[in-house]
Amino acid sequence: GYMEPDEAEEYMIKAARLAQASYSSWIEYATAYIIGVQFVDCVL
């Protein structure tokens, strides 16, 4: 209840389209995510 459905969907679609434009496959996307988590966590 922090956000209206239409506004939430707008954010989700923006992010999804940026992801599609940035990567060519699920493998490329998931690999980038995994490396990103390690980048954030490496200081812990």
PDB file of all heavy atoms in Angstrom:
ATOM      1  N   GLY A   1       0.783  -1.224   0.000  1.00  0.00           N
ATOM      2  CA  GLY A   1       0.000   0.000   0.000  1.00  0.00           C
ATOM      3  C   GLY A   1       0.817   1.277   0.000  1.00  0.00           C
ATOM      4  O   GLY A   1       0.289   2.363   0.239  1.00  0.00           O
ATOM      5  N   TYR A   2       2.130   1.166  -0.319  1.00  0.00           N
ATOM      6  CA  TYR A   2       2.985   2.354  -0.368  1.00  0.00           C
ATOM      7  C   TYR A   2       2.874   3.077  -1.706  1.00  0.00           C
ATOM      8  O   TYR A   2       3.348   4.203  -1.844  1.00  0.00           O
ATOM      9  CB  TYR A   2       4.460   1.964  -0.159  1.00  0.00           C
ATOM     10  CG  TYR A   2       4.816   1.505   1.229  1.00  0.00           C
ATOM     11  CD1 TYR A   2       3.863   1.383   2.229  1.00  0.00           C
ATOM     12  CD2 TYR A   2       6.136   1.186   1.546  1.00  0.00           C
ATOM     13  CE1 TYR A   2       4.213   0.950   3.506  1.00  0.00           C
ATOM     14  CE2 TYR A   2       6.497   0.752   2.816  1.00  0.00           C
ATOM     15  CZ  TYR A   2       5.529   0.636   3.783  1.00  0.00           C
ATOM     16  OH  TYR A   2       5.878   0.215   5.033  1.00  0.00           O
ATOM     17  N   MET A   3       2.288   2.409  -2.701  1.00  0.00           N
ATOM     18  CA  MET A   3       2.268   2.952  -4.055  1.00  0.00           C
ATOM     19  C   MET A   3       1.047   2.423  -4.792  1.00  0.00           C
ATOM     20  O   MET A   3       0.658   1.264  -4.615  1.00  0.00           O
ATOM     21  CB  MET A   3       3.560   2.552  -4.783  1.00  0.00           C
ATOM     22  CG  MET A   3       3.698   3.020  -6.195  1.00  0.00           C
ATOM     23  SD  MET A   3       5.330   2.578  -6.881  1.00  0.00           S
ATOM     24  CE  MET A   3       6.341   3.874  -6.165  1.00  0.00           C
ATOM     25  N   GLU A   4       0.447   3.257  -5.629  1.00  0.00           N
ATOM     26  CA  GLU A   4      -0.697   2.825  -6.432  1.00  0.00           C
ATOM     27  C   GLU A   4      -0.240   1.845  -7.518  1.00  0.00           C
ATOM     28  O   GLU A   4       0.881   1.966  -8.031  1.00  0.00           O
ATOM     29  CB  GLU A   4      -1.374   4.034  -7.088  1.00  0.00           C
ATOM     30  CG  GLU A   4      -2.062   4.976  -6.108  1.00  0.00           C
ATOM     31  CD  GLU A   4      -3.210   4.295  -5.374  1.00  0.00           C
ATOM     32  OE1 GLU A   4      -3.943   3.509  -6.017  1.00  0.00           O
ATOM     33  OE2 GLU A   4      -3.360   4.531  -4.165  1.00  0.00           O
ATOM     34  N   PRO A   5      -1.094   0.900  -7.878  1.00  0.00           N
ATOM     35  CA  PRO A   5      -0.706  -0.110  -8.885  1.00  0.00           C
ATOM     36  C   PRO A   5      -0.213   0.481 -10.202  1.00  0.00           C
ATOM     37  O   PRO A   5       0.773  -0.001 -10.771  1.00  0.00           O
ATOM     38  CB  PRO A   5      -1.996  -0.917  -9.084  1.00  0.00           C
ATOM     39  CG  PRO A   5      -2.716  -0.795  -7.784  1.00  0.00           C
ATOM     40  CD  PRO A   5      -2.411   0.597  -7.285  1.00  0.00           C
ATOM     41  N   ASP A   6      -0.874   1.518 -10.710  1.00  0.00           N
ATOM     42  CA  ASP A   6      -0.466   2.102 -11.993  1.00  0.00           C
ATOM     43  C   ASP A   6       0.935   2.692 -11.905  1.00  0.00           C
ATOM     44  O   ASP A   6       1.741   2.562 -12.841  1.00  0.00           O
ATOM     45  CB  ASP A   6      -1.456   3.181 -12.431  1.00  0.00           C
ATOM     46  CG  ASP A   6      -2.784   2.603 -12.894  1.00  0.00           C
ATOM     47  OD1 ASP A   6      -2.856   1.366 -13.070  1.00  0.00           O
ATOM     48  OD2 ASP A   6      -3.739   3.379 -13.070  1.00  0.00           O
ATOM     49  N   GLU A   7       1.242   3.346 -10.785  1.00  0.00           N
ATOM     50  CA  GLU A   7       2.559   3.955 -10.622  1.00  0.00           C
ATOM     51  C   GLU A   7       3.626   2.877 -10.445  1.00  0.00           C
ATOM     52  O   GLU A   7       4.728   2.980 -11.013  1.00  0.00           O
ATOM     53  CB  GLU A   7       2.558   4.899  -9.423  1.00  0.00           C
ATOM     54  CG  GLU A   7       3.801   5.758  -9.326  1.00  0.00           C
ATOM     55  CD  GLU A   7       3.683   6.832  -8.269  1.00  0.00           C
ATOM     56  OE1 GLU A   7       2.895   6.660  -7.312  1.00  0.00           O
ATOM     57  OE2 GLU A   7       4.383   7.861  -8.392  1.00  0.00           O
ATOM     58  N   ALA A   8       3.314   1.842  -9.682  1.00  0.00           N
ATOM     59  CA  ALA A   8       4.262   0.739  -9.501  1.00  0.00           C
ATOM     60  C   ALA A   8       4.560   0.062 -10.831  1.00  0.00           C
ATOM     61  O   ALA A   8       5.710  -0.247 -11.151  1.00  0.00           O
ATOM     62  CB  ALA A   8       3.692  -0.268  -8.499  1.00  0.00           C
ATOM     63  N   GLU A   9       3.517  -0.161 -11.624  1.00  0.00           N
ATOM     64  CA  GLU A   9       3.709  -0.792 -12.925  1.00  0.00           C
ATOM     65  C   GLU A   9       4.581   0.074 -13.830  1.00  0.00           C
ATOM     66  O   GLU A   9       5.422  -0.433 -14.574  1.00  0.00           O
ATOM     67  CB  GLU A   9       2.365  -1.054 -13.599  1.00  0.00           C
ATOM     68  CG  GLU A   9       2.523  -1.763 -14.931  1.00  0.00           C
ATOM     69  CD  GLU A   9       1.196  -2.115 -15.586  1.00  0.00           C
ATOM     70  OE1 GLU A   9       0.149  -1.603 -15.142  1.00  0.00           O
ATOM     71  OE2 GLU A   9       1.224  -2.874 -16.555  1.00  0.00           O
ATOM     72  N   GLU A  10       4.411   1.375 -13.757  1.00  0.00           N
ATOM     73  CA  GLU A  10       5.228   2.276 -14.570  1.00  0.00           C
ATOM     74  C   GLU A  10       6.710   2.131 -14.231  1.00  0.00           C
ATOM     75  O   GLU A  10       7.564   2.053 -15.122  1.00  0.00           O
ATOM     76  CB  GLU A  10       4.780   3.726 -14.353  1.00  0.00           C
ATOM     77  CG  GLU A  10       5.515   4.727 -15.223  1.00  0.00           C
ATOM     78  CD  GLU A  10       5.029   6.157 -15.022  1.00  0.00           C
ATOM     79  OE1 GLU A  10       3.965   6.347 -14.384  1.00  0.00           O
ATOM     80  OE2 GLU A  10       5.719   7.088 -15.495  1.00  0.00           O
ATOM     81  N   TYR A  11       7.035   2.063 -12.944  1.00  0.00           N
ATOM     82  CA  TYR A  11       8.430   1.862 -12.531  1.00  0.00           C
ATOM     83  C   TYR A  11       8.937   0.501 -13.006  1.00  0.00           C
ATOM     84  O   TYR A  11      10.058   0.386 -13.514  1.00  0.00           O
ATOM     85  CB  TYR A  11       8.552   1.951 -11.007  1.00  0.00           C
ATOM     86  CG  TYR A  11       8.746   3.353 -10.486  1.00  0.00           C
ATOM     87  CD1 TYR A  11       7.702   4.046  -9.894  1.00  0.00           C
ATOM     88  CD2 TYR A  11       9.990   3.989 -10.576  1.00  0.00           C
ATOM     89  CE1 TYR A  11       7.873   5.344  -9.401  1.00  0.00           C
ATOM     90  CE2 TYR A  11      10.177   5.276 -10.084  1.00  0.00           C
ATOM     91  CZ  TYR A  11       9.113   5.955  -9.504  1.00  0.00           C
ATOM     92  OH  TYR A  11       9.299   7.244  -9.023  1.00  0.00           O
ATOM     93  N   MET A  12       8.112  -0.527 -12.830  1.00  0.00           N
ATOM     94  CA  MET A  12       8.539  -1.877 -13.209  1.00  0.00           C
ATOM     95  C   MET A  12       8.792  -1.984 -14.711  1.00  0.00           C
ATOM     96  O   MET A  12       9.790  -2.580 -15.141  1.00  0.00           O
ATOM     97  CB  MET A  12       7.498  -2.906 -12.757  1.00  0.00           C
ATOM     98  CG  MET A  12       7.467  -3.106 -11.255  1.00  0.00           C
ATOM     99  SD  MET A  12       6.456  -4.525 -10.713  1.00  0.00           S
ATOM    100  CE  MET A  12       4.813  -3.816 -10.823  1.00  0.00           C
ATOM    101  N   ILE A  13       7.920  -1.410 -15.504  1.00  0.00           N
ATOM    102  CA  ILE A  13       8.084  -1.473 -16.960  1.00  0.00           C
ATOM    103  C   ILE A  13       9.315  -0.681 -17.398  1.00  0.00           C
ATOM    104  O   ILE A  13      10.071  -1.125 -18.278  1.00  0.00           O
ATOM    105  CB  ILE A  13       6.818  -0.953 -17.669  1.00  0.00           C
ATOM    106  CG1 ILE A  13       5.640  -1.891 -17.403  1.00  0.00           C
ATOM    107  CG2 ILE A  13       7.046  -0.822 -19.167  1.00  0.00           C
ATOM    108  CD1 ILE A  13       5.837  -3.312 -17.893  1.00  0.00           C
ATOM    109  N   LYS A  14       9.541   0.472 -16.792  1.00  0.00           N
ATOM    110  CA  LYS A  14      10.751   1.246 -17.120  1.00  0.00           C
ATOM    111  C   LYS A  14      12.001   0.415 -16.868  1.00  0.00           C
ATOM    112  O   LYS A  14      12.903   0.338 -17.713  1.00  0.00           O
ATOM    113  CB  LYS A  14      10.803   2.525 -16.279  1.00  0.00           C
ATOM    114  CG  LYS A  14       9.958   3.666 -16.789  1.00  0.00           C
ATOM    115  CD  LYS A  14      10.155   4.891 -15.904  1.00  0.00           C
ATOM    116  CE  LYS A  14       9.288   6.061 -16.362  1.00  0.00           C
ATOM    117  NZ  LYS A  14       9.432   7.238 -15.450  1.00  0.00           N
ATOM    118  N   ALA A  15      12.067  -0.199 -15.695  1.00  0.00           N
ATOM    119  CA  ALA A  15      13.244  -0.997 -15.350  1.00  0.00           C
ATOM    120  C   ALA A  15      13.385  -2.200 -16.276  1.00  0.00           C
ATOM    121  O   ALA A  15      14.494  -2.540 -16.718  1.00  0.00           O
ATOM    122  CB  ALA A  15      13.156  -1.453 -13.895  1.00  0.00           C
ATOM    123  N   ALA A  16      12.270  -2.846 -16.597  1.00  0.00           N
ATOM    124  CA  ALA A  16      12.304  -4.017 -17.473  1.00  0.00           C
ATOM    125  C   ALA A  16      12.799  -3.653 -18.868  1.00  0.00           C
ATOM    126  O   ALA A  16      13.598  -4.382 -19.469  1.00  0.00           O
ATOM    127  CB  ALA A  16      10.919  -4.649 -17.547  1.00  0.00           C
ATOM    128  N   ARG A  17      12.330  -2.543 -19.389  1.00  0.00           N
ATOM    129  CA  ARG A  17      12.751  -2.130 -20.728  1.00  0.00           C
ATOM    130  C   ARG A  17      14.223  -1.724 -20.743  1.00  0.00           C
ATOM    131  O   ARG A  17      14.938  -1.987 -21.723  1.00  0.00           O
ATOM    132  CB  ARG A  17      11.854  -0.995 -21.222  1.00  0.00           C
ATOM    133  CG  ARG A  17      10.460  -1.503 -21.615  1.00  0.00           C
ATOM    134  CD  ARG A  17       9.508  -0.400 -21.994  1.00  0.00           C
ATOM    135  NE  ARG A  17       8.229  -0.966 -22.445  1.00  0.00           N
ATOM    136  CZ  ARG A  17       7.098  -0.283 -22.539  1.00  0.00           C
ATOM    137  NH1 ARG A  17       7.081   1.014 -22.221  1.00  0.00           N
ATOM    138  NH2 ARG A  17       5.989  -0.869 -22.960  1.00  0.00           N
ATOM    139  N   LEU A  18      14.687  -1.099 -19.674  1.00  0.00           N
ATOM    140  CA  LEU A  18      16.106  -0.768 -19.582  1.00  0.00           C
ATOM    141  C   LEU A  18      16.942  -2.044 -19.533  1.00  0.00           C
ATOM    142  O   LEU A  18      18.005  -2.117 -20.159  1.00  0.00           O
ATOM    143  CB  LEU A  18      16.366   0.090 -18.340  1.00  0.00           C
ATOM    144  CG  LEU A  18      15.925   1.549 -18.435  1.00  0.00           C
ATOM    145  CD1 LEU A  18      15.950   2.215 -17.060  1.00  0.00           C
ATOM    146  CD2 LEU A  18      16.812   2.330 -19.405  1.00  0.00           C
ATOM    147  N   ALA A  19      16.468  -3.047 -18.807  1.00  0.00           N
ATOM    148  CA  ALA A  19      17.183  -4.325 -18.745  1.00  0.00           C
ATOM    149  C   ALA A  19      17.235  -4.977 -20.120  1.00  0.00           C
ATOM    150  O   ALA A  19      18.300  -5.457 -20.555  1.00  0.00           O
ATOM    151  CB  ALA A  19      16.508  -5.248 -17.732  1.00  0.00           C
ATOM    152  N   GLN A  20      16.110  -4.993 -20.813  1.00  0.00           N
ATOM    153  CA  GLN A  20      16.075  -5.588 -22.154  1.00  0.00           C
ATOM    154  C   GLN A  20      17.026  -4.871 -23.108  1.00  0.00           C
ATOM    155  O   GLN A  20      17.661  -5.500 -23.956  1.00  0.00           O
ATOM    156  CB  GLN A  20      14.656  -5.537 -22.715  1.00  0.00           C
ATOM    157  CG  GLN A  20      13.858  -6.788 -22.484  1.00  0.00           C
ATOM    158  CD  GLN A  20      12.584  -6.803 -23.307  1.00  0.00           C
ATOM    159  OE1 GLN A  20      12.066  -5.776 -23.727  1.00  0.00           O
ATOM    160  NE2 GLN A  20      12.057  -7.992 -23.524  1.00  0.00           N
ATOM    161  N   ALA A  21      17.094  -3.550 -22.970  1.00  0.00           N
ATOM    162  CA  ALA A  21      17.972  -2.775 -23.858  1.00  0.00           C
ATOM    163  C   ALA A  21      19.447  -2.946 -23.506  1.00  0.00           C
ATOM    164  O   ALA A  21      20.320  -2.694 -24.341  1.00  0.00           O
ATOM    165  CB  ALA A  21      17.587  -1.291 -23.786  1.00  0.00           C
ATOM    166  N   SER A  22      19.721  -3.378 -22.273  1.00  0.00           N
ATOM    167  CA  SER A  22      21.096  -3.460 -21.787  1.00  0.00           C
ATOM    168  C   SER A  22      21.733  -4.827 -21.998  1.00  0.00           C
ATOM    169  O   SER A  22      22.959  -4.938 -22.096  1.00  0.00           O
ATOM    170  CB  SER A  22      21.152  -3.117 -20.292  1.00  0.00           C
ATOM    171  OG  SER A  22      20.659  -1.817 -20.050  1.00  0.00           O
ATOM    172  N   TYR A  23      20.922  -5.878 -22.048  1.00  0.00           N
ATOM    173  CA  TYR A  23      21.437  -7.245 -22.135  1.00  0.00           C
ATOM    174  C   TYR A  23      20.756  -7.990 -23.282  1.00  0.00           C
ATOM    175  O   TYR A  23      19.661  -7.625 -23.694  1.00  0.00           O
ATOM    176  CB  TYR A  23      21.227  -7.986 -20.806  1.00  0.00           C
ATOM    177  CG  TYR A  23      21.831  -7.244 -19.633  1.00  0.00           C
ATOM    178  CD1 TYR A  23      21.043  -6.486 -18.775  1.00  0.00           C
ATOM    179  CD2 TYR A  23      23.204  -7.264 -19.402  1.00  0.00           C
ATOM    180  CE1 TYR A  23      21.594  -5.783 -17.721  1.00  0.00           C
ATOM    181  CE2 TYR A  23      23.772  -6.565 -18.348  1.00  0.00           C
ATOM    182  CZ  TYR A  23      22.956  -5.816 -17.513  1.00  0.00           C
ATOM    183  OH  TYR A  23      23.514  -5.106 -16.483  1.00  0.00           O
ATOM    184  N   SER A  24      21.397  -9.042 -23.732  1.00  0.00           N
ATOM    185  CA  SER A  24      20.882  -9.770 -24.896  1.00  0.00           C
ATOM    186  C   SER A  24      20.263 -11.114 -24.542  1.00  0.00           C
ATOM    187  O   SER A  24      19.712 -11.778 -25.421  1.00  0.00           O
ATOM    188  CB  SER A  24      22.006  -9.987 -25.908  1.00  0.00           C
ATOM    189  OG  SER A  24      23.044 -10.766 -25.331  1.00  0.00           O
ATOM    190  N   SER A  25      20.361 -11.526 -23.268  1.00  0.00           N
ATOM    191  CA  SER A  25      19.850 -12.841 -22.891  1.00  0.00           C
ATOM    192  C   SER A  25      19.676 -12.917 -21.383  1.00  0.00           C
ATOM    193  O   SER A  25      20.212 -12.080 -20.628  1.00  0.00           O
ATOM    194  CB  SER A  25      20.819 -13.942 -23.336  1.00  0.00           C
ATOM    195  OG  SER A  25      22.030 -13.849 -22.599  1.00  0.00           O
ATOM    196  N   TRP A  26      18.953 -13.941 -20.934  1.00  0.00           N
ATOM    197  CA  TRP A  26      18.808 -14.172 -19.493  1.00  0.00           C
ATOM    198  C   TRP A  26      20.153 -14.479 -18.854  1.00  0.00           C
ATOM    199  O   TRP A  26      20.415 -14.046 -17.718  1.00  0.00           O
ATOM    200  CB  TRP A  26      17.842 -15.342 -19.246  1.00  0.00           C
ATOM    201  CG  TRP A  26      16.408 -15.017 -19.487  1.00  0.00           C
ATOM    202  CD1 TRP A  26      15.582 -15.535 -20.442  1.00  0.00           C
ATOM    203  CD2 TRP A  26      15.599 -14.081 -18.743  1.00  0.00           C
ATOM    204  NE1 TRP A  26      14.328 -14.987 -20.352  1.00  0.00           N
ATOM    205  CE2 TRP A  26      14.306 -14.091 -19.306  1.00  0.00           C
ATOM    206  CE3 TRP A  26      15.851 -13.240 -17.657  1.00  0.00           C
ATOM    207  CZ2 TRP A  26      13.267 -13.293 -18.831  1.00  0.00           C
ATOM    208  CZ3 TRP A  26      14.826 -12.437 -17.169  1.00  0.00           C
ATOM    209  CH2 TRP A  26      13.554 -12.477 -17.758  1.00  0.00           C
ATOM    210  N   ILE A  27      21.001 -15.212 -19.544  1.00  0.00           N
ATOM    211  CA  ILE A  27      22.305 -15.555 -18.975  1.00  0.00           C
ATOM    212  C   ILE A  27      23.134 -14.296 -18.736  1.00  0.00           C
ATOM    213  O   ILE A  27      23.743 -14.120 -17.677  1.00  0.00           O
ATOM    214  CB  ILE A  27      23.059 -16.546 -19.887  1.00  0.00           C
ATOM    215  CG1 ILE A  27      22.381 -17.918 -19.835  1.00  0.00           C
ATOM    216  CG2 ILE A  27      24.524 -16.667 -19.468  1.00  0.00           C
ATOM    217  CD1 ILE A  27      23.009 -18.961 -20.729  1.00  0.00           C
ATOM    218  N   GLU A  28      23.141 -13.401 -19.711  1.00  0.00           N
ATOM    219  CA  GLU A  28      23.908 -12.161 -19.568  1.00  0.00           C
ATOM    220  C   GLU A  28      23.347 -11.312 -18.429  1.00  0.00           C
ATOM    221  O   GLU A  28      24.094 -10.750 -17.617  1.00  0.00           O
ATOM    222  CB  GLU A  28      23.877 -11.378 -20.885  1.00  0.00           C
ATOM    223  CG  GLU A  28      24.897 -10.246 -20.945  1.00  0.00           C
ATOM    224  CD  GLU A  28      24.918  -9.582 -22.308  1.00  0.00           C
ATOM    225  OE1 GLU A  28      25.519 -10.156 -23.229  1.00  0.00           O
ATOM    226  OE2 GLU A  28      24.336  -8.498 -22.433  1.00  0.00           O
ATOM    227  N   TYR A  29      22.025 -11.223 -18.364  1.00  0.00           N
ATOM    228  CA  TYR A  29      21.363 -10.446 -17.311  1.00  0.00           C
ATOM    229  C   TYR A  29      21.656 -11.030 -15.925  1.00  0.00           C
ATOM    230  O   TYR A  29      22.067 -10.312 -14.999  1.00  0.00           O
ATOM    231  CB  TYR A  29      19.860 -10.442 -17.581  1.00  0.00           C
ATOM    232  CG  TYR A  29      18.996  -9.915 -16.459  1.00  0.00           C
ATOM    233  CD1 TYR A  29      18.846  -8.546 -16.249  1.00  0.00           C
ATOM    234  CD2 TYR A  29      18.315 -10.792 -15.618  1.00  0.00           C
ATOM    235  CE1 TYR A  29      18.035  -8.064 -15.228  1.00  0.00           C
ATOM    236  CE2 TYR A  29      17.503 -10.323 -14.600  1.00  0.00           C
ATOM    237  CZ  TYR A  29      17.365  -8.962 -14.395  1.00  0.00           C
ATOM    238  OH  TYR A  29      16.568  -8.488 -13.384  1.00  0.00           O
ATOM    239  N   ALA A  30      21.457 -12.336 -15.771  1.00  0.00           N
ATOM    240  CA  ALA A  30      21.657 -12.976 -14.469  1.00  0.00           C
ATOM    241  C   ALA A  30      23.119 -12.912 -14.034  1.00  0.00           C
ATOM    242  O   ALA A  30      23.421 -12.707 -12.847  1.00  0.00           O
ATOM    243  CB  ALA A  30      21.177 -14.427 -14.512  1.00  0.00           C
ATOM    244  N   THR A  31      24.035 -13.068 -14.979  1.00  0.00           N
ATOM    245  CA  THR A  31      25.459 -12.981 -14.658  1.00  0.00           C
ATOM    246  C   THR A  31      25.814 -11.587 -14.149  1.00  0.00           C
ATOM    247  O   THR A  31      26.550 -11.443 -13.155  1.00  0.00           O
ATOM    248  CB  THR A  31      26.303 -13.321 -15.897  1.00  0.00           C
ATOM    249  OG1 THR A  31      25.993 -14.658 -16.320  1.00  0.00           O
ATOM    250  CG2 THR A  31      27.789 -13.218 -15.588  1.00  0.00           C
ATOM    251  N   ALA A  32      25.297 -10.565 -14.808  1.00  0.00           N
ATOM    252  CA  ALA A  32      25.548  -9.190 -14.367  1.00  0.00           C
ATOM    253  C   ALA A  32      24.968  -8.954 -12.973  1.00  0.00           C
ATOM    254  O   ALA A  32      25.591  -8.280 -12.137  1.00  0.00           O
ATOM    255  CB  ALA A  32      24.947  -8.203 -15.358  1.00  0.00           C
ATOM    256  N   TYR A  33      23.796  -9.512 -12.710  1.00  0.00           N
ATOM    257  CA  TYR A  33      23.190  -9.383 -11.369  1.00  0.00           C
ATOM    258  C   TYR A  33      24.091 -10.031 -10.315  1.00  0.00           C
ATOM    259  O   TYR A  33      24.352  -9.437  -9.260  1.00  0.00           O
ATOM    260  CB  TYR A  33      21.802 -10.031 -11.344  1.00  0.00           C
ATOM    261  CG  TYR A  33      21.204 -10.041  -9.962  1.00  0.00           C
ATOM    262  CD1 TYR A  33      20.428  -8.975  -9.521  1.00  0.00           C
ATOM    263  CD2 TYR A  33      21.440 -11.099  -9.077  1.00  0.00           C
ATOM    264  CE1 TYR A  33      19.912  -8.963  -8.233  1.00  0.00           C
ATOM    265  CE2 TYR A  33      20.931 -11.085  -7.800  1.00  0.00           C
ATOM    266  CZ  TYR A  33      20.168 -10.015  -7.384  1.00  0.00           C
ATOM    267  OH  TYR A  33      19.671 -10.001  -6.096  1.00  0.00           O
ATOM    268  N   ILE A  34      24.555 -11.243 -10.587  1.00  0.00           N
ATOM    269  CA  ILE A  34      25.393 -11.975  -9.628  1.00  0.00           C
ATOM    270  C   ILE A  34      26.678 -11.205  -9.327  1.00  0.00           C
ATOM    271  O   ILE A  34      27.103 -11.099  -8.170  1.00  0.00           O
ATOM    272  CB  ILE A  34      25.698 -13.380 -10.179  1.00  0.00           C
ATOM    273  CG1 ILE A  34      24.415 -14.226 -10.206  1.00  0.00           C
ATOM    274  CG2 ILE A  34      26.781 -14.077  -9.363  1.00  0.00           C
ATOM    275  CD1 ILE A  34      24.501 -15.462 -11.087  1.00  0.00           C
ATOM    276  N   ILE A  35      27.294 -10.661 -10.356  1.00  0.00           N
ATOM    277  CA  ILE A  35      28.513  -9.863 -10.155  1.00  0.00           C
ATOM    278  C   ILE A  35      28.176  -8.605  -9.367  1.00  0.00           C
ATOM    279  O   ILE A  35      28.938  -8.177  -8.486  1.00  0.00           O
ATOM    280  CB  ILE A  35      29.160  -9.529 -11.508  1.00  0.00           C
ATOM    281  CG1 ILE A  35      29.677 -10.808 -12.172  1.00  0.00           C
ATOM    282  CG2 ILE A  35      30.313  -8.529 -11.336  1.00  0.00           C
ATOM    283  CD1 ILE A  35      30.137 -10.632 -13.606  1.00  0.00           C
ATOM    284  N   GLY A  36      27.014  -8.005  -9.633  1.00  0.00           N
ATOM    285  CA  GLY A  36      26.599  -6.813  -8.905  1.00  0.00           C
ATOM    286  C   GLY A  36      26.437  -7.054  -7.417  1.00  0.00           C
ATOM    287  O   GLY A  36      26.871  -6.242  -6.585  1.00  0.00           O
ATOM    288  N   VAL A  37      25.824  -8.174  -7.060  1.00  0.00           N
ATOM    289  CA  VAL A  37      25.667  -8.511  -5.639  1.00  0.00           C
ATOM    290  C   VAL A  37      27.030  -8.647  -4.979  1.00  0.00           C
ATOM    291  O   VAL A  37      27.262  -8.137  -3.870  1.00  0.00           O
ATOM    292  CB  VAL A  37      24.869  -9.818  -5.468  1.00  0.00           C
ATOM    293  CG1 VAL A  37      24.878 -10.268  -4.010  1.00  0.00           C
ATOM    294  CG2 VAL A  37      23.435  -9.631  -5.933  1.00  0.00           C
ATOM    295  N   GLN A  38      27.955  -9.305  -5.647  1.00  0.00           N
ATOM    296  CA  GLN A  38      29.299  -9.479  -5.078  1.00  0.00           C
ATOM    297  C   GLN A  38      30.027  -8.145  -4.953  1.00  0.00           C
ATOM    298  O   GLN A  38      30.777  -7.927  -3.992  1.00  0.00           O
ATOM    299  CB  GLN A  38      30.096 -10.445  -5.944  1.00  0.00           C
ATOM    300  CG  GLN A  38      29.542 -11.865  -5.924  1.00  0.00           C
ATOM    301  CD  GLN A  38      30.295 -12.764  -6.877  1.00  0.00           C
ATOM    302  OE1 GLN A  38      31.297 -13.384  -6.507  1.00  0.00           O
ATOM    303  NE2 GLN A  38      29.843 -12.835  -8.117  1.00  0.00           N
ATOM    304  N   PHE A  39      29.800  -7.245  -5.905  1.00  0.00           N
ATOM    305  CA  PHE A  39      30.412  -5.914  -5.838  1.00  0.00           C
ATOM    306  C   PHE A  39      29.917  -5.167  -4.604  1.00  0.00           C
ATOM    307  O   PHE A  39      30.704  -4.559  -3.872  1.00  0.00           O
ATOM    308  CB  PHE A  39      30.067  -5.130  -7.108  1.00  0.00           C
ATOM    309  CG  PHE A  39      30.504  -3.691  -7.082  1.00  0.00           C
ATOM    310  CD1 PHE A  39      31.839  -3.347  -7.226  1.00  0.00           C
ATOM    311  CD2 PHE A  39      29.577  -2.668  -6.919  1.00  0.00           C
ATOM    312  CE1 PHE A  39      32.245  -2.018  -7.211  1.00  0.00           C
ATOM    313  CE2 PHE A  39      29.971  -1.342  -6.895  1.00  0.00           C
ATOM    314  CZ  PHE A  39      31.315  -1.013  -7.043  1.00  0.00           C
ATOM    315  N   VAL A  40      28.614  -5.212  -4.347  1.00  0.00           N
ATOM    316  CA  VAL A  40      28.044  -4.525  -3.183  1.00  0.00           C
ATOM    317  C   VAL A  40      28.515  -5.180  -1.894  1.00  0.00           C
ATOM    318  O   VAL A  40      28.851  -4.499  -0.919  1.00  0.00           O
ATOM    319  CB  VAL A  40      26.506  -4.532  -3.270  1.00  0.00           C
ATOM    320  CG1 VAL A  40      25.884  -4.007  -1.977  1.00  0.00           C
ATOM    321  CG2 VAL A  40      26.038  -3.686  -4.455  1.00  0.00           C
ATOM    322  N   ASP A  41      28.571  -6.511  -1.873  1.00  0.00           N
ATOM    323  CA  ASP A  41      28.876  -7.246  -0.641  1.00  0.00           C
ATOM    324  C   ASP A  41      30.359  -7.338  -0.318  1.00  0.00           C
ATOM    325  O   ASP A  41      30.712  -7.726   0.807  1.00  0.00           O
ATOM    326  CB  ASP A  41      28.323  -8.676  -0.725  1.00  0.00           C
ATOM    327  CG  ASP A  41      26.814  -8.726  -0.594  1.00  0.00           C
ATOM    328  OD1 ASP A  41      26.199  -7.666  -0.333  1.00  0.00           O
ATOM    329  OD2 ASP A  41      26.242  -9.822  -0.759  1.00  0.00           O
ATOM    330  N   CYS A  42      31.230  -7.010  -1.263  1.00  0.00           N
ATOM    331  CA  CYS A  42      32.657  -7.272  -1.057  1.00  0.00           C
ATOM    332  C   CYS A  42      33.266  -6.446   0.074  1.00  0.00           C
ATOM    333  O   CYS A  42      34.357  -6.757   0.544  1.00  0.00           O
ATOM    334  CB  CYS A  42      33.445  -7.073  -2.353  1.00  0.00           C
ATOM    335  SG  CYS A  42      33.611  -5.342  -2.879  1.00  0.00           S
ATOM    336  N   VAL A  43      32.568  -5.406   0.525  1.00  0.00           N
ATOM    337  CA  VAL A  43      33.088  -4.583   1.620  1.00  0.00           C
ATOM    338  C   VAL A  43      32.620  -5.092   2.982  1.00  0.00           C
ATOM    339  O   VAL A  43      33.058  -4.588   4.023  1.00  0.00           O
ATOM    340  CB  VAL A  43      32.657  -3.104   1.462  1.00  0.00           C
ATOM    341  CG1 VAL A  43      33.177  -2.543   0.149  1.00  0.00           C
ATOM    342  CG2 VAL A  43      31.144  -2.941   1.553  1.00  0.00           C
ATOM    343  N   LEU A  44      31.727  -6.079   2.999  1.00  0.00           N
ATOM    344  CA  LEU A  44      31.176  -6.574   4.259  1.00  0.00           C
ATOM    345  C   LEU A  44      32.116  -7.577   4.911  1.00  0.00           C
ATOM    346  O   LEU A  44      32.841  -8.297   4.227  1.00  0.00           O
ATOM    347  CB  LEU A  44      29.812  -7.243   4.018  1.00  0.00           C
ATOM    348  CG  LEU A  44      28.736  -6.363   3.374  1.00  0.00           C
ATOM    349  CD1 LEU A  44      27.478  -7.195   3.127  1.00  0.00           C
ATOM    350  CD2 LEU A  44      28.417  -5.155   4.254  1.00  0.00           C
TER     351      LEU A  44
END
